[in-house]
C-alpha atoms as a PDB file:
ATOM      1  CA  UNK A   1      -0.023   0.020  -0.064  1.00  0.00           C
ATOM      2  CA  UNK A   2       2.867   2.433   0.973  1.00  0.00           C
ATOM      3  CA  UNK A   3       4.522   1.712  -2.297  1.00  0.00           C
ATOM      4  CA  UNK A   4       1.295   2.528  -4.295  1.00  0.00           C
ATOM      5  CA  UNK A   5       1.133   5.772  -2.411  1.00  0.00           C
ATOM      6  CA  UNK A   6       4.680   6.772  -3.269  1.00  0.00           C
ATOM      7  CA  UNK A   7       4.400   5.660  -6.882  1.00  0.00           C
ATOM      8  CA  UNK A   8       1.165   7.924  -7.316  1.00  0.00           C
ATOM      9  CA  UNK A   9       2.962  10.969  -5.808  1.00  0.00           C
ATOM     10  CA  UNK A  10       5.918  10.715  -7.950  1.00  0.00           C
ATOM     11  CA  UNK A  11       3.654  10.441 -10.992  1.00  0.00           C
ATOM     12  CA  UNK A  12       1.806  13.675  -9.941  1.00  0.00           C
ATOM     13  CA  UNK A  13       4.909  15.705  -9.313  1.00  0.00           C
ATOM     14  CA  UNK A  14       6.534  14.820 -12.672  1.00  0.00           C
ATOM     15  CA  UNK A  15       3.283  15.472 -14.584  1.00  0.00           C
ATOM     16  CA  UNK A  16       2.929  19.020 -12.907  1.00  0.00           C
ATOM     17  CA  UNK A  17       6.385  19.876 -13.760  1.00  0.00           C
ATOM     18  CA  UNK A  18       5.972  18.806 -17.504  1.00  0.00           C
ATOM     19  CA  UNK A  19       2.712  20.971 -17.768  1.00  0.00           C
ATOM     20  CA  UNK A  20       4.357  24.032 -16.192  1.00  0.00           C
ATOM     21  CA  UNK A  21       7.342  23.700 -18.791  1.00  0.00           C
ATOM     22  CA  UNK A  22       4.858  23.763 -21.615  1.00  0.00           C
ATOM     23  CA  UNK A  23       3.035  26.983 -20.559  1.00  0.00           C
ATOM     24  CA  UNK A  24       4.316  30.170 -22.159  1.00  0.00           C
ATOM     25  CA  UNK A  25       6.258  32.775 -20.181  1.00  0.00           C
ATOM     26  CA  UNK A  26       4.274  35.435 -18.442  1.00  0.00           C
ATOM     27  CA  UNK A  27       4.355  38.693 -20.344  1.00  0.00           C
ATOM     28  CA  UNK A  28       5.291  41.983 -18.481  1.00  0.00           C
ATOM     29  CA  UNK A  29       2.915  44.964 -18.879  1.00  0.00           C
ATOM     30  CA  UNK A  30       3.154  48.457 -17.581  1.00  0.00           C
ATOM     31  CA  UNK A  31       0.552  50.058 -15.345  1.00  0.00           C
ATOM     32  CA  UNK A  32      -1.912  52.204 -17.439  1.00  0.00           C
ATOM     33  CA  UNK A  33      -0.839  55.905 -17.663  1.00  0.00           C
ATOM     34  CA  UNK A  34      -3.183  58.183 -15.897  1.00  0.00           C
ATOM     35  CA  UNK A  35      -4.566  61.146 -17.957  1.00  0.00           C
ATOM     36  CA  UNK A  36      -3.582  64.671 -17.122  1.00  0.00           C
ATOM     37  CA  UNK A  37      -6.146  66.331 -14.788  1.00  0.00           C
ATOM     38  CA  UNK A  38      -8.931  68.176 -16.200  1.00  0.00           C
ATOM     39  CA  UNK A  39     -10.425  71.189 -14.506  1.00  0.00           C
ATOM     40  CA  UNK A  40     -13.993  72.350 -14.808  1.00  0.00           C
ATOM     41  CA  UNK A  41     -14.336  76.116 -15.017  1.00  0.00           C
ATOM     42  CA  UNK A  42     -18.187  76.087 -15.633  1.00  0.00           C
ATOM     43  CA  UNK A  43     -20.243  77.428 -12.722  1.00  0.00           C
ATOM     44  CA  UNK A  44     -21.035  80.278 -10.375  1.00  0.00           C
ATOM     45  CA  UNK A  45     -18.338  82.356  -8.361  1.00  0.00           C
ATOM     46  CA  UNK A  46     -18.162  85.272  -6.126  1.00  0.00           C
ATOM     47  CA  UNK A  47     -15.174  87.478  -5.345  1.00  0.00           C
ATOM     48  CA  UNK A  48     -13.953  90.384  -3.105  1.00  0.00           C
ATOM     49  CA  UNK A  49     -10.841  92.404  -2.999  1.00  0.00           C
ATOM     50  CA  UNK A  50      -9.026  95.851  -3.167  1.00  0.00           C
ATOM     51  CA  UNK A  51      -7.167  98.107  -5.578  1.00  0.00           C
ATOM     52  CA  UNK A  52      -6.116 101.452  -6.597  1.00  0.00           C
ATOM     53  CA  UNK A  53      -6.993 103.817  -9.485  1.00  0.00           C
ATOM     54  CA  UNK A  54      -6.517 107.191 -11.180  1.00  0.00           C
ATOM     55  CA  UNK A  55      -8.909 109.292 -12.970  1.00  0.00           C
ATOM     56  CA  UNK A  56      -8.356 112.050 -15.469  1.00  0.00           C
ATOM     57  CA  UNK A  57     -10.971 114.503 -16.952  1.00  0.00           C
ATOM     58  CA  UNK A  58     -11.051 116.931 -19.840  1.00  0.00           C
ATOM     59  CA  UNK A  59     -12.749 120.067 -18.133  1.00  0.00           C
ATOM     60  CA  UNK A  60     -13.449 123.613 -19.077  1.00  0.00           C
ATOM     61  CA  UNK A  61     -15.636 126.437 -17.707  1.00  0.00           C
ATOM     62  CA  UNK A  62     -19.224 127.151 -19.206  1.00  0.00           C
ATOM     63  CA  UNK A  63     -20.811 130.606 -18.981  1.00  0.00           C
ATOM     64  CA  UNK A  64     -24.326 131.554 -18.292  1.00  0.00           C
ATOM     65  CA  UNK A  65     -25.021 131.496 -22.051  1.00  0.00           C
ATOM     66  CA  UNK A  66     -24.159 127.718 -22.304  1.00  0.00           C
ATOM     67  CA  UNK A  67     -20.868 128.412 -24.106  1.00  0.00           C
ATOM     68  CA  UNK A  68     -17.380 127.281 -23.345  1.00  0.00           C
ATOM     69  CA  UNK A  69     -15.616 130.124 -21.641  1.00  0.00           C
ATOM     70  CA  UNK A  70     -12.109 128.707 -21.096  1.00  0.00           C
ATOM     71  CA  UNK A  71      -9.835 126.256 -22.967  1.00  0.00           C
ATOM     72  CA  UNK A  72     -10.000 122.630 -21.883  1.00  0.00           C
ATOM     73  CA  UNK A  73      -7.699 121.422 -19.349  1.00  0.00           C
ATOM     74  CA  UNK A  74      -6.805 118.048 -17.948  1.00  0.00           C
ATOM     75  CA  UNK A  75      -7.689 117.454 -14.223  1.00  0.00           C
ATOM     76  CA  UNK A  76      -6.866 114.351 -12.343  1.00  0.00           C
ATOM     77  CA  UNK A  77      -7.225 112.252  -9.081  1.00  0.00           C
ATOM     78  CA  UNK A  78      -6.261 108.938  -7.494  1.00  0.00           C
ATOM     79  CA  UNK A  79      -7.020 106.798  -4.502  1.00  0.00           C
ATOM     80  CA  UNK A  80      -8.063 103.354  -3.173  1.00  0.00           C
ATOM     81  CA  UNK A  81     -11.158 101.200  -3.273  1.00  0.00           C
ATOM     82  CA  UNK A  82     -12.764  97.705  -2.251  1.00  0.00           C
ATOM     83  CA  UNK A  83     -14.489  95.718  -4.816  1.00  0.00           C
ATOM     84  CA  UNK A  84     -17.074  92.726  -4.616  1.00  0.00           C
ATOM     85  CA  UNK A  85     -18.715  90.799  -7.286  1.00  0.00           C
ATOM     86  CA  UNK A  86     -20.289  87.654  -8.700  1.00  0.00           C
ATOM     87  CA  UNK A  87     -20.477  85.896 -12.110  1.00  0.00           C
ATOM     88  CA  UNK A  88     -21.066  82.698 -14.128  1.00  0.00           C
ATOM     89  CA  UNK A  89     -18.405  81.176 -16.422  1.00  0.00           C
ATOM     90  CA  UNK A  90     -18.915  78.495 -19.170  1.00  0.00           C
ATOM     91  CA  UNK A  91     -16.011  76.346 -20.483  1.00  0.00           C
ATOM     92  CA  UNK A  92     -17.120  75.618 -24.077  1.00  0.00           C
ATOM     93  CA  UNK A  93     -13.875  73.862 -25.217  1.00  0.00           C
ATOM     94  CA  UNK A  94     -10.816  72.327 -23.742  1.00  0.00           C
ATOM     95  CA  UNK A  95      -9.081  75.743 -23.611  1.00  0.00           C
ATOM     96  CA  UNK A  96     -11.809  78.466 -23.863  1.00  0.00           C
ATOM     97  CA  UNK A  97     -13.988  79.954 -21.178  1.00  0.00           C
ATOM     98  CA  UNK A  98     -16.724  82.798 -21.532  1.00  0.00           C
ATOM     99  CA  UNK A  99     -18.608  84.334 -18.930  1.00  0.00           C
ATOM    100  CA  UNK A 100     -20.853  87.067 -17.489  1.00  0.00           C
ATOM    101  CA  UNK A 101     -20.377  89.028 -14.123  1.00  0.00           C
ATOM    102  CA  UNK A 102     -21.404  92.108 -12.172  1.00  0.00           C
ATOM    103  CA  UNK A 103     -19.274  94.057  -9.582  1.00  0.00           C
ATOM    104  CA  UNK A 104     -18.953  97.221  -7.523  1.00  0.00           C
ATOM    105  CA  UNK A 105     -16.097  99.335  -6.507  1.00  0.00           C
ATOM    106  CA  UNK A 106     -16.419 101.506  -3.277  1.00  0.00           C
ATOM    107  CA  UNK A 107     -13.828 103.989  -2.094  1.00  0.00           C
ATOM    108  CA  UNK A 108     -12.533 107.588  -2.817  1.00  0.00           C
ATOM    109  CA  UNK A 109     -10.524 108.594  -5.830  1.00  0.00           C
ATOM    110  CA  UNK A 110      -9.807 112.160  -4.851  1.00  0.00           C
ATOM    111  CA  UNK A 111      -8.918 114.931  -7.335  1.00  0.00           C
ATOM    112  CA  UNK A 112      -9.509 118.567  -8.368  1.00  0.00           C
ATOM    113  CA  UNK A 113     -12.256 120.446 -10.112  1.00  0.00           C
ATOM    114  CA  UNK A 114     -11.585 123.989 -11.298  1.00  0.00           C
ATOM    115  CA  UNK A 115     -13.736 126.882 -12.668  1.00  0.00           C
ATOM    116  CA  UNK A 116     -10.957 128.952 -14.300  1.00  0.00           C
ATOM    117  CA  UNK A 117     -13.563 131.548 -15.559  1.00  0.00           C
ATOM    118  CA  UNK A 118     -14.219 132.710 -11.862  1.00  0.00           C
ATOM    119  CA  UNK A 119     -10.837 131.609 -10.512  1.00  0.00           C
ATOM    120  CA  UNK A 120     -12.504 128.895  -8.133  1.00  0.00           C
ATOM    121  CA  UNK A 121     -11.265 125.453  -7.353  1.00  0.00           C
ATOM    122  CA  UNK A 122     -12.360 122.627  -5.318  1.00  0.00           C
ATOM    123  CA  UNK A 123     -12.147 118.810  -4.599  1.00  0.00           C
ATOM    124  CA  UNK A 124     -14.047 116.161  -6.547  1.00  0.00           C
ATOM    125  CA  UNK A 125     -14.154 112.544  -5.439  1.00  0.00           C
ATOM    126  CA  UNK A 126     -15.262 109.338  -7.487  1.00  0.00           C
ATOM    127  CA  UNK A 127     -17.217 107.329  -4.663  1.00  0.00           C
ATOM    128  CA  UNK A 128     -18.776 104.273  -6.298  1.00  0.00           C
ATOM    129  CA  UNK A 129     -18.535 102.508  -9.443  1.00  0.00           C
ATOM    130  CA  UNK A 130     -20.915  99.649 -10.736  1.00  0.00           C
ATOM    131  CA  UNK A 131     -20.301  97.438 -13.827  1.00  0.00           C
ATOM    132  CA  UNK A 132     -21.839  94.462 -15.694  1.00  0.00           C
ATOM    133  CA  UNK A 133     -20.301  92.805 -18.565  1.00  0.00           C
ATOM    134  CA  UNK A 134     -18.818  89.664 -20.359  1.00  0.00           C
ATOM    135  CA  UNK A 135     -15.435  88.154 -20.447  1.00  0.00           C
ATOM    136  CA  UNK A 136     -13.694  85.801 -22.809  1.00  0.00           C
ATOM    137  CA  UNK A 137     -10.405  84.000 -22.145  1.00  0.00           C
ATOM    138  CA  UNK A 138      -8.058  81.214 -22.869  1.00  0.00           C
ATOM    139  CA  UNK A 139      -6.641  78.582 -20.301  1.00  0.00           C
ATOM    140  CA  UNK A 140      -2.786  79.023 -20.557  1.00  0.00           C
ATOM    141  CA  UNK A 141      -2.766  76.099 -18.041  1.00  0.00           C
ATOM    142  CA  UNK A 142      -5.555  73.844 -16.794  1.00  0.00           C
ATOM    143  CA  UNK A 143      -5.952  76.162 -13.650  1.00  0.00           C
ATOM    144  CA  UNK A 144      -4.736  79.482 -15.049  1.00  0.00           C
ATOM    145  CA  UNK A 145      -7.197  81.635 -17.001  1.00  0.00           C
ATOM    146  CA  UNK A 146      -6.208  84.763 -19.059  1.00  0.00           C
ATOM    147  CA  UNK A 147      -9.065  86.790 -20.151  1.00  0.00           C
ATOM    148  CA  UNK A 148     -10.428  90.218 -21.626  1.00  0.00           C
ATOM    149  CA  UNK A 149     -13.585  91.788 -20.485  1.00  0.00           C
ATOM    150  CA  UNK A 150     -15.965  94.759 -21.558  1.00  0.00           C
ATOM    151  CA  UNK A 151     -19.300  96.123 -20.594  1.00  0.00           C
ATOM    152  CA  UNK A 152     -21.597  98.825 -19.144  1.00  0.00           C
ATOM    153  CA  UNK A 153     -20.560 100.865 -16.089  1.00  0.00           C
ATOM    154  CA  UNK A 154     -22.055 103.606 -14.003  1.00  0.00           C
ATOM    155  CA  UNK A 155     -20.122 105.978 -11.499  1.00  0.00           C
ATOM    156  CA  UNK A 156     -21.224 108.114  -8.517  1.00  0.00           C
ATOM    157  CA  UNK A 157     -19.360 111.418  -7.824  1.00  0.00           C
ATOM    158  CA  UNK A 158     -19.456 113.674  -4.913  1.00  0.00           C
ATOM    159  CA  UNK A 159     -20.251 117.327  -5.001  1.00  0.00           C
ATOM    160  CA  UNK A 160     -17.583 120.005  -4.689  1.00  0.00           C
ATOM    161  CA  UNK A 161     -17.316 123.265  -2.852  1.00  0.00           C
ATOM    162  CA  UNK A 162     -15.405 125.886  -4.850  1.00  0.00           C
ATOM    163  CA  UNK A 163     -13.320 128.788  -3.471  1.00  0.00           C
ATOM    164  CA  UNK A 164     -10.502 130.854  -4.628  1.00  0.00           C
ATOM    165  CA  UNK A 165      -6.870 129.478  -4.852  1.00  0.00           C
ATOM    166  CA  UNK A 166      -5.837 132.081  -2.128  1.00  0.00           C
ATOM    167  CA  UNK A 167      -7.657 129.805   0.592  1.00  0.00           C
ATOM    168  CA  UNK A 168     -10.629 131.966   1.308  1.00  0.00           C
ATOM    169  CA  UNK A 169     -13.889 130.220   2.326  1.00  0.00           C
ATOM    170  CA  UNK A 170     -15.755 128.412  -0.541  1.00  0.00           C
ATOM    171  CA  UNK A 171     -18.355 130.667  -2.341  1.00  0.00           C
ATOM    172  CA  UNK A 172     -19.930 128.324  -4.848  1.00  0.00           C
ATOM    173  CA  UNK A 173     -20.695 124.539  -4.996  1.00  0.00           C
ATOM    174  CA  UNK A 174     -21.594 121.757  -7.621  1.00  0.00           C
ATOM    175  CA  UNK A 175     -23.983 118.827  -6.672  1.00  0.00           C
ATOM    176  CA  UNK A 176     -23.118 115.076  -6.644  1.00  0.00           C
ATOM    177  CA  UNK A 177     -23.931 113.342  -9.860  1.00  0.00           C
ATOM    178  CA  UNK A 178     -24.043 109.949 -11.588  1.00  0.00           C
ATOM    179  CA  UNK A 179     -22.259 109.273 -15.037  1.00  0.00           C
ATOM    180  CA  UNK A 180     -22.852 106.315 -17.397  1.00  0.00           C
ATOM    181  CA  UNK A 181     -20.169 104.780 -19.727  1.00  0.00           C
ATOM    182  CA  UNK A 182     -18.539 101.530 -20.747  1.00  0.00           C
ATOM    183  CA  UNK A 183     -15.215  99.854 -19.781  1.00  0.00           C
ATOM    184  CA  UNK A 184     -12.779  97.412 -21.244  1.00  0.00           C
ATOM    185  CA  UNK A 185     -10.084  95.441 -19.566  1.00  0.00           C
ATOM    186  CA  UNK A 186      -8.370  92.180 -18.887  1.00  0.00           C
ATOM    187  CA  UNK A 187      -6.671  90.024 -16.287  1.00  0.00           C
ATOM    188  CA  UNK A 188      -5.298  86.655 -15.077  1.00  0.00           C
ATOM    189  CA  UNK A 189      -7.112  84.255 -12.663  1.00  0.00           C
ATOM    190  CA  UNK A 190      -5.547  81.229 -11.253  1.00  0.00           C
ATOM    191  CA  UNK A 191      -6.104  78.561  -8.454  1.00  0.00           C
ATOM    192  CA  UNK A 192      -4.182  78.961  -5.207  1.00  0.00           C
ATOM    193  CA  UNK A 193      -2.370  75.720  -5.540  1.00  0.00           C
ATOM    194  CA  UNK A 194       0.021  77.201  -7.907  1.00  0.00           C
ATOM    195  CA  UNK A 195       1.499  78.815  -4.866  1.00  0.00           C
ATOM    196  CA  UNK A 196       1.575  75.445  -2.894  1.00  0.00           C
ATOM    197  CA  UNK A 197      -1.672  76.304  -1.153  1.00  0.00           C
ATOM    198  CA  UNK A 198      -4.106  73.360  -1.001  1.00  0.00           C
ATOM    199  CA  UNK A 199      -7.451  75.247  -1.287  1.00  0.00           C
ATOM    200  CA  UNK A 200     -10.012  73.739  -3.692  1.00  0.00           C
ATOM    201  CA  UNK A 201     -12.309  76.186  -4.992  1.00  0.00           C
ATOM    202  CA  UNK A 202     -10.122  79.221  -4.130  1.00  0.00           C
ATOM    203  CA  UNK A 203      -8.709  81.474  -6.683  1.00  0.00           C
ATOM    204  CA  UNK A 204      -6.831  84.880  -7.056  1.00  0.00           C
ATOM    205  CA  UNK A 205      -7.465  87.236  -9.922  1.00  0.00           C
ATOM    206  CA  UNK A 206      -5.744  90.539 -10.818  1.00  0.00           C
ATOM    207  CA  UNK A 207      -7.319  92.826 -13.241  1.00  0.00           C
ATOM    208  CA  UNK A 208      -6.896  96.061 -15.115  1.00  0.00           C
ATOM    209  CA  UNK A 209      -9.811  98.145 -16.260  1.00  0.00           C
ATOM    210  CA  UNK A 210     -10.253 101.345 -18.256  1.00  0.00           C
ATOM    211  CA  UNK A 211     -13.710 102.984 -17.906  1.00  0.00           C
ATOM    212  CA  UNK A 212     -14.877 105.770 -20.207  1.00  0.00           C
ATOM    213  CA  UNK A 213     -17.871 107.918 -18.909  1.00  0.00           C
ATOM    214  CA  UNK A 214     -20.107 110.357 -20.537  1.00  0.00           C
ATOM    215  CA  UNK A 215     -19.461 114.264 -20.274  1.00  0.00           C
ATOM    216  CA  UNK A 216     -21.474 115.914 -17.603  1.00  0.00           C
ATOM    217  CA  UNK A 217     -22.126 119.566 -16.914  1.00  0.00           C
ATOM    218  CA  UNK A 218     -21.990 120.561 -13.319  1.00  0.00           C
ATOM    219  CA  UNK A 219     -24.250 123.492 -12.502  1.00  0.00           C
ATOM    220  CA  UNK A 220     -22.621 125.957  -9.850  1.00  0.00           C
ATOM    221  CA  UNK A 221     -24.850 127.354  -7.096  1.00  0.00           C
ATOM    222  CA  UNK A 222     -24.084 130.146  -4.655  1.00  0.00           C
ATOM    223  CA  UNK A 223     -23.348 128.717  -1.151  1.00  0.00           C
ATOM    224  CA  UNK A 224     -24.873 131.653   0.610  1.00  0.00           C
ATOM    225  CA  UNK A 225     -28.141 131.746  -1.233  1.00  0.00           C
ATOM    226  CA  UNK A 226     -28.421 128.186  -2.686  1.00  0.00           C
ATOM    227  CA  UNK A 227     -29.410 129.850  -5.915  1.00  0.00           C
ATOM    228  CA  UNK A 228     -27.857 128.856  -9.416  1.00  0.00           C
ATOM    229  CA  UNK A 229     -25.125 131.288 -10.555  1.00  0.00           C
ATOM    230  CA  UNK A 230     -25.659 130.303 -14.232  1.00  0.00           C
ATOM    231  CA  UNK A 231     -21.985 129.192 -14.495  1.00  0.00           C
ATOM    232  CA  UNK A 232     -21.133 125.507 -14.821  1.00  0.00           C
ATOM    233  CA  UNK A 233     -18.192 123.217 -15.280  1.00  0.00           C
ATOM    234  CA  UNK A 234     -17.907 120.551 -18.089  1.00  0.00           C
ATOM    235  CA  UNK A 235     -16.430 117.223 -16.904  1.00  0.00           C
ATOM    236  CA  UNK A 236     -15.444 114.243 -18.983  1.00  0.00           C
ATOM    237  CA  UNK A 237     -13.681 111.613 -17.033  1.00  0.00           C
ATOM    238  CA  UNK A 238     -11.618 108.400 -17.838  1.00  0.00           C
ATOM    239  CA  UNK A 239     -11.097 106.050 -14.874  1.00  0.00           C
ATOM    240  CA  UNK A 240      -8.195 103.423 -14.775  1.00  0.00           C
ATOM    241  CA  UNK A 241      -7.983 100.750 -11.939  1.00  0.00           C
ATOM    242  CA  UNK A 242      -6.027  97.798 -10.923  1.00  0.00           C
ATOM    243  CA  UNK A 243      -7.411  95.310  -8.388  1.00  0.00           C
ATOM    244  CA  UNK A 244      -6.546  91.856  -6.861  1.00  0.00           C
ATOM    245  CA  UNK A 245      -9.407  89.828  -5.491  1.00  0.00           C
ATOM    246  CA  UNK A 246      -9.967  86.514  -3.919  1.00  0.00           C
ATOM    247  CA  UNK A 247     -12.394  84.300  -5.856  1.00  0.00           C
ATOM    248  CA  UNK A 248     -14.486  81.306  -4.589  1.00  0.00           C
ATOM    249  CA  UNK A 249     -15.939  78.835  -7.315  1.00  0.00           C
ATOM    250  CA  UNK A 250     -18.874  76.960  -6.044  1.00  0.00           C
ATOM    251  CA  UNK A 251     -18.559  74.074  -8.433  1.00  0.00           C
ATOM    252  CA  UNK A 252     -14.738  73.501  -8.084  1.00  0.00           C
ATOM    253  CA  UNK A 253     -13.963  70.124  -6.570  1.00  0.00           C
ATOM    254  CA  UNK A 254     -10.413  69.771  -7.846  1.00  0.00           C
ATOM    255  CA  UNK A 255      -9.395  67.695 -10.854  1.00  0.00           C
ATOM    256  CA  UNK A 256     -11.810  65.358 -12.698  1.00  0.00           C
ATOM    257  CA  UNK A 257     -10.368  62.279 -14.300  1.00  0.00           C
ATOM    258  CA  UNK A 258     -10.922  62.282 -18.066  1.00  0.00           C
ATOM    259  CA  UNK A 259     -12.745  59.584 -19.637  1.00  0.00           C
ATOM    260  CA  UNK A 260     -10.912  57.310 -22.168  1.00  0.00           C
END
């Protein structure tokens, strides 16, 4: 009996070795290559930040007959502001993104206002600016967006008290006013992880904007009586700003693995 068991065991061992020898060698295969991360820019976002700006205005005095009474001169001002806004972007190809947005700038860009016909000067301030527009841009990297924008804008300016350049008390004033216009600009927006910060959904954008506003005629009134003097100042401003903002994208969850 023991001899029979030993004989069967030997047959099994040699049979298994022969079968293994007939099998083909196992082929070596590399692990599949993962695709590059694909980021989705489509969705809503909000932002807030700060910046600085300058304004320049072509201005001249207007007499009671409504005619220009002095040559045009260039006035100017500068200052700082805060900004908030919201928008929606649509990534319509692998590299192109378009969107709509609205924002506001709140601060004080302070400059001068002159009535050279009567030898008066005062301070004019740009208080608030609102804008709504569209933007179009190209993804220079999956998480870096370079764009241009344009649209409608409206500004609110303070009134001014006008006095002589010798420093005497003001004798005339102009009222606050709104001015409509249009803007054009551009900027760059990028995910914070390019700075080594792990913050899904958080971005930073830096933007330049030039806003061209309509010409306004600022009527002067007598500070003592409150009555119009008949004189006015023509004011035609251009405002240029640079701002940096933090942006939060609600749909941004990090890279999405592309389908094969």
